[in-house]
Structures are given as structure tokens and as C-alpha cells.
């Protein structure tokens, strides 16, 4: 969530003070021991093979996809690993594994959790001032909300400031129906985008082709971009924004590669 986006009611973040003084030990790196990477197909779909052995997900399920292009791209991720295997550099592998391990078996629960954030969508909380920021928010954000209202019948209330706005029952129900209509692949991309952007509406527009990854980044980072223009950008903020842009690009690539 950004500074002007409140958490859902009764879900304010809780700090576990017992862990504040504990520094987690770095996870041991996994050495690359495989030599060959290739793809092959069978009745389950396309697979990635390391030294002739099929890849599996963290939950030990077959990593299979009907999209050959996605399998080839995941194979390229594995082939691009050097001395060590670094999962953070394999966004496509992570997204497909999530679709298989979590989204497919837990769809209903995931949708119920996601729709709780309808009341805290980033695009619904506007700056009261300055006028230039308010104008930018109107220009970039309102067309997305108008599209969601026209396409999915979900007309979200917009407010100035950070006081929570409770969306109507019909709006939430229609938004939930739109999310529930997504395929497992699109729901995976939607969930990943929502976690990054704090916006269900931006994420819905993203997975349904209304916005590109670059447009989602610009909209979700609008407030931060304005602050940078006013006060400059520190190194940590720059790294965070770069990571967000990379992650959104990965989601966009995932969507393209899974389009059959």
C-alpha cells in the first residue's frame, strides 16, 4: 500500500516485535549442477527438462503448460543461470509454479482475499492538493476506473485524502465476478500485479490488455514520481522502483507467452 492508501478495515498491519532483533541467516545458494536444458511435450503439455529430467514445482507437481513459448522462455531462464541457481531471476518459472501450486487449488479462497481490497484500491484515494498532482491522478487514474465501470459494472467511489471509502455491495460483487472469470493463468498474473500496485482495478486492466506493464508502472508510481520531481530520489527508492518495473515487465511477458 502507498502512504495515501489505507489498509482494509480491521486489517491494519501488525508488527511482531519478537522478531525485530532477529536477523535471518542468508539462505544457502543452490549450485547449478545440470548441463542441458530443453523442452518436450506430452499429454500434459510442454515441459522443461534439465539433463533429461522433467522440472517440478515447489509442491512437487509437474511443471507443465499448454504454451510452448512459455516453456521455451522458462527453459531460457534455467539455461541463463550461472554458477548458482537464483530463483529471483526466474519470474516466469515462479509465476507458472504459483499458478499450478496455489491458484488452481485455492482459487475461491484467493479471490475472497483479493476482493477484500476493493475498499482500499489505490486509484480511489486522491490528493486534495497540490493541484498538479490531483490533475495527474485524474488524468491517469480516472480512465481506468471508467473502463472498469463500463466493462464490469463496478463503479468505485473516489475520495480525497486517506479516510476509507466503503464501496457498494453491488460494486464489490461485480468486481469479484470479474476476478472470478479470470483463468488460472490470468488470476496468477492479477494477484501478482495487485500485490505490487495495491490496485485491483489497475491489475484487472493489465491482465485484460487495457494497460501495458509500462502504463501500470506509471499509474501505480504516480505519487512517488511526483515526490521525486519535488525532492529527488534516494538510492533505496530507486532500487525499489526498478524492482517494481522489472516485476511488472515479467508479469506482462508471462501474459504474452501464455496467450494461445
Foldseek 3Di string as FASTA:
>chain_A
DDPQFADFPPCHDDDDVVCPPPDDDDDDFAFDDFDDWDWDADPQAIFIDTNHHTDAAPVRHGLHANFPLLRVVQSVQSVPDDGTRDVVSRLSNVLSSCLVPPCVVPVVVVLVVVLSLLQRAPLQEAAPDDPVLRVVSCVLRVVLLVCCCVPQVQRAHHDYGRDTDDGDPVNSVSLSVLLSPDDSSLNSLLVLLCVLQVHSSLSSCDLVVVDALVSSLCNSCVVVVVVCVVPNDDPVRVVSSVSSSVSSVSSRVSSVSNDD
